[in-house]
């Protein structure tokens, strides 16, 4: 093993790499949790040490010199390799710790009610479940596995399909009382709850209804919140099977029709790109649940056990029937 040559400070290289990669000193300061002035000072000190400029001074614009571009490529590779190695060693040093990042709706409606079974099997495990939809940096955030809802195709990670999902209407027994729901057209007059990205119109079409997308009523950004609103009797929700299953089996929600559609919608942020809002439903990407892990394998026995348990729970959930509630059909008052 050869001795490394003389290098500038690691702190200066980190701040240069962040500012150069992000093309912004302010964004680099936010990423590294330091001040704008600290980043600028370290970059100037690095240039003084090297004896040549890394950035061209053009007002607030961050423009790299050719030497800066070359140093960025090497610094990014070296820092990523170093952070990956540190992350792997940390996981090995504490194999009894497991950190899971989960979408809020899935955490509340699917994972949390079931996680006790995994804890019972691993009573000494230190399990940390973070409920967030934010992107995760595995090396920075010390997360072992993410469960994500999206179209897939994620780069720089290992992603494995966990399960597909479908959408169908659900309604609370209280809101059904005194109503007949013989056909989908009987939804007329009922409040229809809405969740961003999961439109009613494709389900209307599948049900043979020439109805436009609802324009009024409650709109929420989280599917779990919408489901709770349906449980509380505030309206009919177009729910994901994964999130509604336990409430249906417990009788807190009813499924009046067996018509369902796949979960498809344009990913957030690309409505003006490859998948505009006018893209036909059948051409929109299918959204699924995925397990996402670091690209470099460092799976502990505890993580492998969690993934095996997760797959078994998904298989059991999908195998359990969700039948149409026959009491809603033909009754004068349910």
C-alpha atoms as a PDB file:
ATOM      1  CA  UNK A   1       0.000   0.000   0.000  1.00  0.00           C
ATOM      2  CA  UNK A   2       1.504   3.296  -1.105  1.00  0.00           C
ATOM      3  CA  UNK A   3       1.634   6.401   1.043  1.00  0.00           C
ATOM      4  CA  UNK A   4      -0.725   9.160  -0.186  1.00  0.00           C
ATOM      5  CA  UNK A   5       0.845  12.365  -1.418  1.00  0.00           C
ATOM      6  CA  UNK A   6       0.341  15.742   0.215  1.00  0.00           C
ATOM      7  CA  UNK A   7      -3.262  16.887   0.157  1.00  0.00           C
ATOM      8  CA  UNK A   8      -5.237  20.000   1.134  1.00  0.00           C
ATOM      9  CA  UNK A   9      -7.629  19.812   4.067  1.00  0.00           C
ATOM     10  CA  UNK A  10     -10.558  17.407   3.798  1.00  0.00           C
ATOM     11  CA  UNK A  11     -12.921  20.172   4.931  1.00  0.00           C
ATOM     12  CA  UNK A  12     -11.849  22.421   2.068  1.00  0.00           C
ATOM     13  CA  UNK A  13     -12.227  19.619  -0.472  1.00  0.00           C
ATOM     14  CA  UNK A  14     -15.706  18.779   0.819  1.00  0.00           C
ATOM     15  CA  UNK A  15     -16.880  22.382   0.548  1.00  0.00           C
ATOM     16  CA  UNK A  16     -15.356  22.791  -2.907  1.00  0.00           C
ATOM     17  CA  UNK A  17     -16.938  19.531  -4.109  1.00  0.00           C
ATOM     18  CA  UNK A  18     -20.395  20.547  -2.856  1.00  0.00           C
ATOM     19  CA  UNK A  19     -20.218  24.066  -4.332  1.00  0.00           C
ATOM     20  CA  UNK A  20     -18.888  22.780  -7.657  1.00  0.00           C
ATOM     21  CA  UNK A  21     -21.378  19.906  -7.918  1.00  0.00           C
ATOM     22  CA  UNK A  22     -24.366  22.070  -6.971  1.00  0.00           C
ATOM     23  CA  UNK A  23     -23.084  25.102  -8.901  1.00  0.00           C
ATOM     24  CA  UNK A  24     -24.032  27.195  -5.896  1.00  0.00           C
ATOM     25  CA  UNK A  25     -22.209  28.290  -2.759  1.00  0.00           C
ATOM     26  CA  UNK A  26     -25.507  28.911  -0.954  1.00  0.00           C
ATOM     27  CA  UNK A  27     -26.834  25.424  -1.745  1.00  0.00           C
ATOM     28  CA  UNK A  28     -23.500  23.917  -0.712  1.00  0.00           C
ATOM     29  CA  UNK A  29     -23.742  25.756   2.612  1.00  0.00           C
ATOM     30  CA  UNK A  30     -27.264  24.392   3.149  1.00  0.00           C
ATOM     31  CA  UNK A  31     -26.189  20.842   2.291  1.00  0.00           C
ATOM     32  CA  UNK A  32     -23.206  20.961   4.667  1.00  0.00           C
ATOM     33  CA  UNK A  33     -25.018  22.918   7.417  1.00  0.00           C
ATOM     34  CA  UNK A  34     -22.489  25.737   7.435  1.00  0.00           C
ATOM     35  CA  UNK A  35     -22.611  29.426   6.516  1.00  0.00           C
ATOM     36  CA  UNK A  36     -22.164  30.898   3.054  1.00  0.00           C
ATOM     37  CA  UNK A  37     -19.057  32.660   4.319  1.00  0.00           C
ATOM     38  CA  UNK A  38     -17.510  29.436   5.590  1.00  0.00           C
ATOM     39  CA  UNK A  39     -17.790  27.827   2.152  1.00  0.00           C
ATOM     40  CA  UNK A  40     -16.342  30.874   0.408  1.00  0.00           C
ATOM     41  CA  UNK A  41     -13.452  31.056   2.890  1.00  0.00           C
ATOM     42  CA  UNK A  42     -12.551  27.378   2.454  1.00  0.00           C
ATOM     43  CA  UNK A  43     -12.639  27.642  -1.339  1.00  0.00           C
ATOM     44  CA  UNK A  44     -10.356  30.671  -1.298  1.00  0.00           C
ATOM     45  CA  UNK A  45      -7.989  28.851   1.073  1.00  0.00           C
ATOM     46  CA  UNK A  46      -8.013  25.817  -1.251  1.00  0.00           C
ATOM     47  CA  UNK A  47      -7.169  28.000  -4.275  1.00  0.00           C
ATOM     48  CA  UNK A  48      -4.357  29.648  -2.326  1.00  0.00           C
ATOM     49  CA  UNK A  49      -2.996  26.206  -1.392  1.00  0.00           C
ATOM     50  CA  UNK A  50      -3.181  24.941  -4.977  1.00  0.00           C
ATOM     51  CA  UNK A  51      -1.890  28.098  -6.585  1.00  0.00           C
ATOM     52  CA  UNK A  52      -4.564  28.314  -9.286  1.00  0.00           C
ATOM     53  CA  UNK A  53      -8.207  29.316  -9.619  1.00  0.00           C
ATOM     54  CA  UNK A  54     -11.035  26.795  -9.379  1.00  0.00           C
ATOM     55  CA  UNK A  55     -13.897  29.192 -10.109  1.00  0.00           C
ATOM     56  CA  UNK A  56     -14.342  32.096 -12.478  1.00  0.00           C
ATOM     57  CA  UNK A  57     -15.711  35.152 -10.691  1.00  0.00           C
ATOM     58  CA  UNK A  58     -18.797  36.229 -12.660  1.00  0.00           C
ATOM     59  CA  UNK A  59     -21.034  37.961 -10.145  1.00  0.00           C
ATOM     60  CA  UNK A  60     -23.086  35.379  -8.258  1.00  0.00           C
ATOM     61  CA  UNK A  61     -22.676  32.734 -10.936  1.00  0.00           C
ATOM     62  CA  UNK A  62     -20.586  29.690  -9.990  1.00  0.00           C
ATOM     63  CA  UNK A  63     -18.532  28.785 -13.070  1.00  0.00           C
ATOM     64  CA  UNK A  64     -15.721  26.259 -12.859  1.00  0.00           C
ATOM     65  CA  UNK A  65     -12.390  26.651 -14.579  1.00  0.00           C
ATOM     66  CA  UNK A  66     -11.110  23.648 -16.558  1.00  0.00           C
ATOM     67  CA  UNK A  67      -8.896  22.800 -13.556  1.00  0.00           C
ATOM     68  CA  UNK A  68     -11.923  23.082 -11.295  1.00  0.00           C
ATOM     69  CA  UNK A  69     -13.903  20.669 -13.468  1.00  0.00           C
ATOM     70  CA  UNK A  70     -11.058  18.166 -13.326  1.00  0.00           C
ATOM     71  CA  UNK A  71     -10.680  18.458  -9.560  1.00  0.00           C
ATOM     72  CA  UNK A  72     -14.460  18.117  -9.094  1.00  0.00           C
ATOM     73  CA  UNK A  73     -14.495  14.751 -10.877  1.00  0.00           C
ATOM     74  CA  UNK A  74     -11.662  13.372  -8.739  1.00  0.00           C
ATOM     75  CA  UNK A  75     -12.946  14.878  -5.480  1.00  0.00           C
ATOM     76  CA  UNK A  76     -16.467  13.548  -6.007  1.00  0.00           C
ATOM     77  CA  UNK A  77     -15.217  10.028  -6.731  1.00  0.00           C
ATOM     78  CA  UNK A  78     -12.837  10.005  -3.776  1.00  0.00           C
ATOM     79  CA  UNK A  79     -15.324  11.451  -1.277  1.00  0.00           C
ATOM     80  CA  UNK A  80     -18.071   9.055  -2.362  1.00  0.00           C
ATOM     81  CA  UNK A  81     -15.760   6.068  -2.023  1.00  0.00           C
ATOM     82  CA  UNK A  82     -14.683   7.254   1.420  1.00  0.00           C
ATOM     83  CA  UNK A  83     -18.248   7.866   2.601  1.00  0.00           C
ATOM     84  CA  UNK A  84     -19.385   4.485   1.250  1.00  0.00           C
ATOM     85  CA  UNK A  85     -16.612   2.712   3.139  1.00  0.00           C
ATOM     86  CA  UNK A  86     -17.391   4.563   6.375  1.00  0.00           C
ATOM     87  CA  UNK A  87     -21.091   3.726   5.999  1.00  0.00           C
ATOM     88  CA  UNK A  88     -20.356   0.016   5.469  1.00  0.00           C
ATOM     89  CA  UNK A  89     -18.065  -0.089   8.507  1.00  0.00           C
ATOM     90  CA  UNK A  90     -20.660   1.658  10.672  1.00  0.00           C
ATOM     91  CA  UNK A  91     -23.282  -0.904   9.712  1.00  0.00           C
ATOM     92  CA  UNK A  92     -20.926  -3.750  10.501  1.00  0.00           C
ATOM     93  CA  UNK A  93     -20.050  -2.185  13.852  1.00  0.00           C
ATOM     94  CA  UNK A  94     -23.718  -2.114  14.918  1.00  0.00           C
ATOM     95  CA  UNK A  95     -25.440  -5.065  13.189  1.00  0.00           C
ATOM     96  CA  UNK A  96     -28.315  -4.917  15.687  1.00  0.00           C
ATOM     97  CA  UNK A  97     -29.478  -1.511  14.450  1.00  0.00           C
ATOM     98  CA  UNK A  98     -31.885  -1.111  11.553  1.00  0.00           C
ATOM     99  CA  UNK A  99     -33.019   2.213  10.082  1.00  0.00           C
ATOM    100  CA  UNK A 100     -35.985   2.172   7.698  1.00  0.00           C
ATOM    101  CA  UNK A 101     -37.298   5.150   5.708  1.00  0.00           C
ATOM    102  CA  UNK A 102     -40.961   4.809   4.712  1.00  0.00           C
ATOM    103  CA  UNK A 103     -43.569   6.933   2.942  1.00  0.00           C
ATOM    104  CA  UNK A 104     -45.939   8.450   5.557  1.00  0.00           C
ATOM    105  CA  UNK A 105     -49.112   6.869   4.146  1.00  0.00           C
ATOM    106  CA  UNK A 106     -47.537   3.406   3.947  1.00  0.00           C
ATOM    107  CA  UNK A 107     -46.000   3.777   7.404  1.00  0.00           C
ATOM    108  CA  UNK A 108     -49.316   4.614   9.053  1.00  0.00           C
ATOM    109  CA  UNK A 109     -51.677   2.337   7.132  1.00  0.00           C
ATOM    110  CA  UNK A 110     -49.560  -0.699   6.334  1.00  0.00           C
ATOM    111  CA  UNK A 111     -46.233  -1.008   8.156  1.00  0.00           C
ATOM    112  CA  UNK A 112     -46.963   0.224  11.688  1.00  0.00           C
ATOM    113  CA  UNK A 113     -49.951  -2.099  12.316  1.00  0.00           C
ATOM    114  CA  UNK A 114     -47.781  -5.085  11.310  1.00  0.00           C
ATOM    115  CA  UNK A 115     -44.327  -4.189  12.600  1.00  0.00           C
ATOM    116  CA  UNK A 116     -44.978  -5.764  16.011  1.00  0.00           C
ATOM    117  CA  UNK A 117     -44.553  -9.190  14.439  1.00  0.00           C
ATOM    118  CA  UNK A 118     -41.031  -8.350  13.345  1.00  0.00           C
ATOM    119  CA  UNK A 119     -40.152  -6.814  16.720  1.00  0.00           C
ATOM    120  CA  UNK A 120     -41.374  -9.959  18.500  1.00  0.00           C
ATOM    121  CA  UNK A 121     -38.928 -12.011  16.421  1.00  0.00           C
ATOM    122  CA  UNK A 122     -36.047  -9.599  17.091  1.00  0.00           C
ATOM    123  CA  UNK A 123     -36.651  -8.191  20.593  1.00  0.00           C
ATOM    124  CA  UNK A 124     -33.075  -6.937  20.990  1.00  0.00           C
ATOM    125  CA  UNK A 125     -33.025  -5.047  17.683  1.00  0.00           C
ATOM    126  CA  UNK A 126     -32.769  -1.259  17.641  1.00  0.00           C
ATOM    127  CA  UNK A 127     -35.383  -0.408  15.015  1.00  0.00           C
ATOM    128  CA  UNK A 128     -35.733   3.153  13.750  1.00  0.00           C
ATOM    129  CA  UNK A 129     -38.605   3.881  11.344  1.00  0.00           C
ATOM    130  CA  UNK A 130     -38.577   7.334   9.739  1.00  0.00           C
ATOM    131  CA  UNK A 131     -41.775   8.494   8.051  1.00  0.00           C
ATOM    132  CA  UNK A 132     -40.836  10.730   5.125  1.00  0.00           C
ATOM    133  CA  UNK A 133     -41.221  11.076   1.411  1.00  0.00           C
ATOM    134  CA  UNK A 134     -37.946  12.962   1.026  1.00  0.00           C
ATOM    135  CA  UNK A 135     -35.112  11.530  -1.017  1.00  0.00           C
ATOM    136  CA  UNK A 136     -32.533   9.702   1.073  1.00  0.00           C
ATOM    137  CA  UNK A 137     -28.763   9.881   0.825  1.00  0.00           C
ATOM    138  CA  UNK A 138     -27.779   6.491   2.219  1.00  0.00           C
ATOM    139  CA  UNK A 139     -24.293   7.554   3.280  1.00  0.00           C
ATOM    140  CA  UNK A 140     -25.341  10.855   4.813  1.00  0.00           C
ATOM    141  CA  UNK A 141     -28.597   9.767   6.457  1.00  0.00           C
ATOM    142  CA  UNK A 142     -27.466   6.372   7.813  1.00  0.00           C
ATOM    143  CA  UNK A 143     -30.564   4.655   6.397  1.00  0.00           C
ATOM    144  CA  UNK A 144     -30.431   0.912   5.671  1.00  0.00           C
ATOM    145  CA  UNK A 145     -33.506   0.535   3.470  1.00  0.00           C
ATOM    146  CA  UNK A 146     -36.261   2.697   1.996  1.00  0.00           C
ATOM    147  CA  UNK A 147     -39.776   1.685   1.038  1.00  0.00           C
ATOM    148  CA  UNK A 148     -40.859   3.967  -1.767  1.00  0.00           C
ATOM    149  CA  UNK A 149     -43.952   4.501  -3.926  1.00  0.00           C
ATOM    150  CA  UNK A 150     -43.197   5.460  -7.495  1.00  0.00           C
ATOM    151  CA  UNK A 151     -42.489   4.444 -11.089  1.00  0.00           C
ATOM    152  CA  UNK A 152     -39.126   2.786 -10.416  1.00  0.00           C
ATOM    153  CA  UNK A 153     -36.072   3.226 -12.591  1.00  0.00           C
ATOM    154  CA  UNK A 154     -34.021   4.631  -9.722  1.00  0.00           C
ATOM    155  CA  UNK A 155     -30.327   5.136 -10.452  1.00  0.00           C
ATOM    156  CA  UNK A 156     -27.366   4.561  -8.169  1.00  0.00           C
ATOM    157  CA  UNK A 157     -29.259   2.201  -5.830  1.00  0.00           C
ATOM    158  CA  UNK A 158     -30.580  -1.358  -5.651  1.00  0.00           C
ATOM    159  CA  UNK A 159     -34.343  -1.319  -6.154  1.00  0.00           C
ATOM    160  CA  UNK A 160     -36.599  -4.357  -5.935  1.00  0.00           C
ATOM    161  CA  UNK A 161     -40.324  -4.466  -6.632  1.00  0.00           C
ATOM    162  CA  UNK A 162     -42.281  -4.993  -3.422  1.00  0.00           C
ATOM    163  CA  UNK A 163     -45.869  -4.972  -4.700  1.00  0.00           C
ATOM    164  CA  UNK A 164     -48.285  -3.547  -7.245  1.00  0.00           C
ATOM    165  CA  UNK A 165     -51.406  -1.690  -6.193  1.00  0.00           C
ATOM    166  CA  UNK A 166     -54.893  -0.864  -7.441  1.00  0.00           C
ATOM    167  CA  UNK A 167     -57.458   1.826  -6.683  1.00  0.00           C
ATOM    168  CA  UNK A 168     -61.168   1.469  -5.887  1.00  0.00           C
ATOM    169  CA  UNK A 169     -63.829   3.461  -3.994  1.00  0.00           C
ATOM    170  CA  UNK A 170     -64.347   2.931  -0.261  1.00  0.00           C
ATOM    171  CA  UNK A 171     -66.977   4.405   2.028  1.00  0.00           C
ATOM    172  CA  UNK A 172     -67.684   4.345   5.756  1.00  0.00           C
ATOM    173  CA  UNK A 173     -70.665   2.353   7.091  1.00  0.00           C
ATOM    174  CA  UNK A 174     -72.033   5.565   8.644  1.00  0.00           C
ATOM    175  CA  UNK A 175     -72.083   7.386   5.296  1.00  0.00           C
ATOM    176  CA  UNK A 176     -73.790   4.355   3.703  1.00  0.00           C
ATOM    177  CA  UNK A 177     -76.607   4.332   6.209  1.00  0.00           C
ATOM    178  CA  UNK A 178     -79.917   5.024   4.467  1.00  0.00           C
ATOM    179  CA  UNK A 179     -78.389   4.897   0.989  1.00  0.00           C
ATOM    180  CA  UNK A 180     -78.468   2.372  -1.826  1.00  0.00           C
ATOM    181  CA  UNK A 181     -75.322   1.762  -3.806  1.00  0.00           C
ATOM    182  CA  UNK A 182     -76.505  -0.678  -6.451  1.00  0.00           C
ATOM    183  CA  UNK A 183     -74.428   0.759  -9.315  1.00  0.00           C
ATOM    184  CA  UNK A 184     -71.502   3.186  -9.619  1.00  0.00           C
ATOM    185  CA  UNK A 185     -73.949   5.865 -10.778  1.00  0.00           C
ATOM    186  CA  UNK A 186     -75.378   5.870  -7.234  1.00  0.00           C
ATOM    187  CA  UNK A 187     -72.250   7.746  -6.134  1.00  0.00           C
ATOM    188  CA  UNK A 188     -73.887  10.877  -7.562  1.00  0.00           C
ATOM    189  CA  UNK A 189     -74.499  13.386  -4.800  1.00  0.00           C
ATOM    190  CA  UNK A 190     -71.954  11.882  -2.416  1.00  0.00           C
ATOM    191  CA  UNK A 191     -68.842  13.901  -1.530  1.00  0.00           C
ATOM    192  CA  UNK A 192     -65.820  12.483  -3.356  1.00  0.00           C
ATOM    193  CA  UNK A 193     -62.509  12.872  -1.550  1.00  0.00           C
ATOM    194  CA  UNK A 194     -59.480  13.668  -3.669  1.00  0.00           C
ATOM    195  CA  UNK A 195     -55.771  12.953  -3.330  1.00  0.00           C
ATOM    196  CA  UNK A 196     -53.085  14.582  -5.459  1.00  0.00           C
ATOM    197  CA  UNK A 197     -52.070  12.411  -8.402  1.00  0.00           C
ATOM    198  CA  UNK A 198     -54.844   9.818  -7.973  1.00  0.00           C
ATOM    199  CA  UNK A 199     -57.691  11.052 -10.161  1.00  0.00           C
ATOM    200  CA  UNK A 200     -61.263   9.801 -10.147  1.00  0.00           C
ATOM    201  CA  UNK A 201     -61.867  10.165 -13.894  1.00  0.00           C
ATOM    202  CA  UNK A 202     -60.053   6.930 -14.941  1.00  0.00           C
ATOM    203  CA  UNK A 203     -62.178   4.990 -12.442  1.00  0.00           C
ATOM    204  CA  UNK A 204     -65.344   6.691 -13.744  1.00  0.00           C
ATOM    205  CA  UNK A 205     -64.388   5.534 -17.246  1.00  0.00           C
ATOM    206  CA  UNK A 206     -63.766   1.965 -16.073  1.00  0.00           C
ATOM    207  CA  UNK A 207     -67.171   2.030 -14.369  1.00  0.00           C
ATOM    208  CA  UNK A 208     -68.929   3.242 -17.529  1.00  0.00           C
ATOM    209  CA  UNK A 209     -69.566   6.749 -16.207  1.00  0.00           C
ATOM    210  CA  UNK A 210     -69.060   9.782 -18.429  1.00  0.00           C
ATOM    211  CA  UNK A 211     -68.276  12.041 -15.478  1.00  0.00           C
ATOM    212  CA  UNK A 212     -65.597  14.747 -15.327  1.00  0.00           C
ATOM    213  CA  UNK A 213     -62.928  14.904 -12.646  1.00  0.00           C
ATOM    214  CA  UNK A 214     -64.423  16.316  -9.399  1.00  0.00           C
ATOM    215  CA  UNK A 215     -63.479  19.961  -8.949  1.00  0.00           C
ATOM    216  CA  UNK A 216     -64.709  20.590  -5.406  1.00  0.00           C
ATOM    217  CA  UNK A 217     -64.555  19.027  -2.001  1.00  0.00           C
ATOM    218  CA  UNK A 218     -61.646  17.965   0.165  1.00  0.00           C
ATOM    219  CA  UNK A 219     -58.234  17.635  -1.541  1.00  0.00           C
ATOM    220  CA  UNK A 220     -55.280  16.238   0.440  1.00  0.00           C
ATOM    221  CA  UNK A 221     -51.646  15.566  -0.445  1.00  0.00           C
ATOM    222  CA  UNK A 222     -51.371  12.333   1.549  1.00  0.00           C
ATOM    223  CA  UNK A 223     -53.378   9.204   0.710  1.00  0.00           C
ATOM    224  CA  UNK A 224     -53.355   8.068   4.345  1.00  0.00           C
ATOM    225  CA  UNK A 225     -55.032  11.294   5.450  1.00  0.00           C
ATOM    226  CA  UNK A 226     -57.648  10.893   2.739  1.00  0.00           C
ATOM    227  CA  UNK A 227     -58.354   7.365   3.917  1.00  0.00           C
ATOM    228  CA  UNK A 228     -58.873   8.590   7.485  1.00  0.00           C
ATOM    229  CA  UNK A 229     -61.294  11.208   6.182  1.00  0.00           C
ATOM    230  CA  UNK A 230     -63.255   8.389   4.527  1.00  0.00           C
ATOM    231  CA  UNK A 231     -63.250   6.353   7.751  1.00  0.00           C
ATOM    232  CA  UNK A 232     -64.597   9.413   9.580  1.00  0.00           C
ATOM    233  CA  UNK A 233     -67.481   9.634   7.101  1.00  0.00           C
ATOM    234  CA  UNK A 234     -66.436  12.804   5.277  1.00  0.00           C
ATOM    235  CA  UNK A 235     -66.787  11.291   1.818  1.00  0.00           C
ATOM    236  CA  UNK A 236     -65.969   8.471  -0.585  1.00  0.00           C
ATOM    237  CA  UNK A 237     -62.278   7.863  -1.186  1.00  0.00           C
ATOM    238  CA  UNK A 238     -60.598   6.375  -4.237  1.00  0.00           C
ATOM    239  CA  UNK A 239     -58.218   4.323  -2.134  1.00  0.00           C
ATOM    240  CA  UNK A 240     -55.203   2.144  -2.711  1.00  0.00           C
ATOM    241  CA  UNK A 241     -55.803  -1.464  -1.804  1.00  0.00           C
ATOM    242  CA  UNK A 242     -52.600  -1.544   0.247  1.00  0.00           C
ATOM    243  CA  UNK A 243     -53.718   1.311   2.478  1.00  0.00           C
ATOM    244  CA  UNK A 244     -57.386   0.385   2.796  1.00  0.00           C
ATOM    245  CA  UNK A 245     -57.040  -3.379   3.381  1.00  0.00           C
ATOM    246  CA  UNK A 246     -56.946  -3.400   7.188  1.00  0.00           C
ATOM    247  CA  UNK A 247     -59.816  -0.921   7.512  1.00  0.00           C
ATOM    248  CA  UNK A 248     -61.909  -3.000   5.088  1.00  0.00           C
ATOM    249  CA  UNK A 249     -61.258  -6.201   7.011  1.00  0.00           C
ATOM    250  CA  UNK A 250     -62.113  -4.464  10.281  1.00  0.00           C
ATOM    251  CA  UNK A 251     -65.401  -3.135   8.909  1.00  0.00           C
ATOM    252  CA  UNK A 252     -64.415   0.502   9.290  1.00  0.00           C
ATOM    253  CA  UNK A 253     -64.702   0.895   5.523  1.00  0.00           C
ATOM    254  CA  UNK A 254     -66.839  -0.828   2.905  1.00  0.00           C
ATOM    255  CA  UNK A 255     -66.086  -1.516  -0.734  1.00  0.00           C
ATOM    256  CA  UNK A 256     -69.325  -1.145  -2.679  1.00  0.00           C
ATOM    257  CA  UNK A 257     -68.045  -2.143  -6.142  1.00  0.00           C
ATOM    258  CA  UNK A 258     -65.475  -4.612  -7.442  1.00  0.00           C
ATOM    259  CA  UNK A 259     -64.307  -2.257 -10.221  1.00  0.00           C
ATOM    260  CA  UNK A 260     -60.655  -1.300  -9.798  1.00  0.00           C
ATOM    261  CA  UNK A 261     -57.942   0.430 -11.802  1.00  0.00           C
ATOM    262  CA  UNK A 262     -54.134   0.196 -11.646  1.00  0.00           C
ATOM    263  CA  UNK A 263     -52.266   2.966  -9.877  1.00  0.00           C
ATOM    264  CA  UNK A 264     -50.915   5.214 -12.626  1.00  0.00           C
ATOM    265  CA  UNK A 265     -49.980   8.852 -12.654  1.00  0.00           C
ATOM    266  CA  UNK A 266     -47.244  11.187 -13.781  1.00  0.00           C
ATOM    267  CA  UNK A 267     -44.381  11.559 -11.311  1.00  0.00           C
ATOM    268  CA  UNK A 268     -44.343  14.861  -9.463  1.00  0.00           C
ATOM    269  CA  UNK A 269     -42.261  17.518 -11.141  1.00  0.00           C
ATOM    270  CA  UNK A 270     -42.439  16.258 -14.744  1.00  0.00           C
ATOM    271  CA  UNK A 271     -45.961  17.367 -15.677  1.00  0.00           C
ATOM    272  CA  UNK A 272     -44.430  19.639 -18.272  1.00  0.00           C
ATOM    273  CA  UNK A 273     -41.957  16.999 -19.474  1.00  0.00           C
ATOM    274  CA  UNK A 274     -42.384  13.455 -20.694  1.00  0.00           C
ATOM    275  CA  UNK A 275     -45.752  12.949 -19.012  1.00  0.00           C
ATOM    276  CA  UNK A 276     -47.877  16.115 -19.271  1.00  0.00           C
ATOM    277  CA  UNK A 277     -51.142  16.334 -17.397  1.00  0.00           C
ATOM    278  CA  UNK A 278     -53.041  15.550 -20.624  1.00  0.00           C
ATOM    279  CA  UNK A 279     -51.270  12.200 -21.112  1.00  0.00           C
ATOM    280  CA  UNK A 280     -53.904   9.429 -21.414  1.00  0.00           C
ATOM    281  CA  UNK A 281     -54.230   7.353 -18.261  1.00  0.00           C
ATOM    282  CA  UNK A 282     -53.106   4.136 -19.995  1.00  0.00           C
ATOM    283  CA  UNK A 283     -49.839   5.801 -21.064  1.00  0.00           C
ATOM    284  CA  UNK A 284     -48.898   7.103 -17.633  1.00  0.00           C
ATOM    285  CA  UNK A 285     -46.283   5.118 -15.694  1.00  0.00           C
ATOM    286  CA  UNK A 286     -47.494   2.424 -13.342  1.00  0.00           C
ATOM    287  CA  UNK A 287     -46.695   3.290  -9.720  1.00  0.00           C
ATOM    288  CA  UNK A 288     -45.628   0.508  -7.371  1.00  0.00           C
ATOM    289  CA  UNK A 289     -43.990  -0.050  -3.997  1.00  0.00           C
ATOM    290  CA  UNK A 290     -40.238  -0.671  -4.039  1.00  0.00           C
ATOM    291  CA  UNK A 291     -37.575  -1.562  -1.547  1.00  0.00           C
ATOM    292  CA  UNK A 292     -34.549   0.643  -2.190  1.00  0.00           C
ATOM    293  CA  UNK A 293     -31.100  -0.126  -0.778  1.00  0.00           C
ATOM    294  CA  UNK A 294     -27.585   1.288  -1.167  1.00  0.00           C
ATOM    295  CA  UNK A 295     -25.874   0.372  -4.413  1.00  0.00           C
ATOM    296  CA  UNK A 296     -22.941  -1.170  -2.567  1.00  0.00           C
ATOM    297  CA  UNK A 297     -24.171  -4.285  -0.721  1.00  0.00           C
ATOM    298  CA  UNK A 298     -23.616  -4.109   3.037  1.00  0.00           C
ATOM    299  CA  UNK A 299     -26.681  -6.018   4.203  1.00  0.00           C
ATOM    300  CA  UNK A 300     -26.556  -7.153   7.821  1.00  0.00           C
ATOM    301  CA  UNK A 301     -28.346 -10.338   8.956  1.00  0.00           C
ATOM    302  CA  UNK A 302     -30.959  -8.090  10.604  1.00  0.00           C
ATOM    303  CA  UNK A 303     -31.629  -6.246   7.339  1.00  0.00           C
ATOM    304  CA  UNK A 304     -31.922  -9.539   5.453  1.00  0.00           C
ATOM    305  CA  UNK A 305     -34.393 -10.784   8.073  1.00  0.00           C
ATOM    306  CA  UNK A 306     -36.428  -7.578   7.751  1.00  0.00           C
ATOM    307  CA  UNK A 307     -36.608  -7.875   3.970  1.00  0.00           C
ATOM    308  CA  UNK A 308     -37.679 -11.517   4.200  1.00  0.00           C
ATOM    309  CA  UNK A 309     -40.330 -10.628   6.789  1.00  0.00           C
ATOM    310  CA  UNK A 310     -41.535  -7.724   4.626  1.00  0.00           C
ATOM    311  CA  UNK A 311     -41.942  -9.923   1.544  1.00  0.00           C
ATOM    312  CA  UNK A 312     -43.827 -12.550   3.554  1.00  0.00           C
ATOM    313  CA  UNK A 313     -46.195  -9.924   4.986  1.00  0.00           C
ATOM    314  CA  UNK A 314     -46.858  -8.519   1.522  1.00  0.00           C
ATOM    315  CA  UNK A 315     -47.608 -11.996   0.158  1.00  0.00           C
ATOM    316  CA  UNK A 316     -50.007 -12.703   3.035  1.00  0.00           C
ATOM    317  CA  UNK A 317     -51.735  -9.351   2.595  1.00  0.00           C
ATOM    318  CA  UNK A 318     -52.233  -9.842  -1.143  1.00  0.00           C
ATOM    319  CA  UNK A 319     -53.545 -13.365  -0.621  1.00  0.00           C
ATOM    320  CA  UNK A 320     -56.199 -12.258   1.871  1.00  0.00           C
ATOM    321  CA  UNK A 321     -59.511 -11.580   0.047  1.00  0.00           C
ATOM    322  CA  UNK A 322     -61.202  -8.208  -0.162  1.00  0.00           C
ATOM    323  CA  UNK A 323     -64.732  -9.106  -1.227  1.00  0.00           C
ATOM    324  CA  UNK A 324     -67.440  -6.706  -2.292  1.00  0.00           C
ATOM    325  CA  UNK A 325     -69.764  -6.022   0.622  1.00  0.00           C
ATOM    326  CA  UNK A 326     -73.002  -7.625  -0.553  1.00  0.00           C
ATOM    327  CA  UNK A 327     -75.074  -5.902   2.159  1.00  0.00           C
ATOM    328  CA  UNK A 328     -74.836  -2.670   0.180  1.00  0.00           C
ATOM    329  CA  UNK A 329     -76.647  -4.108  -2.813  1.00  0.00           C
ATOM    330  CA  UNK A 330     -80.420  -4.198  -2.845  1.00  0.00           C
ATOM    331  CA  UNK A 331     -80.932  -3.177   0.774  1.00  0.00           C
ATOM    332  CA  UNK A 332     -83.467  -0.472   1.488  1.00  0.00           C
ATOM    333  CA  UNK A 333     -81.181   0.996   4.144  1.00  0.00           C
ATOM    334  CA  UNK A 334     -77.797  -0.304   5.140  1.00  0.00           C
END
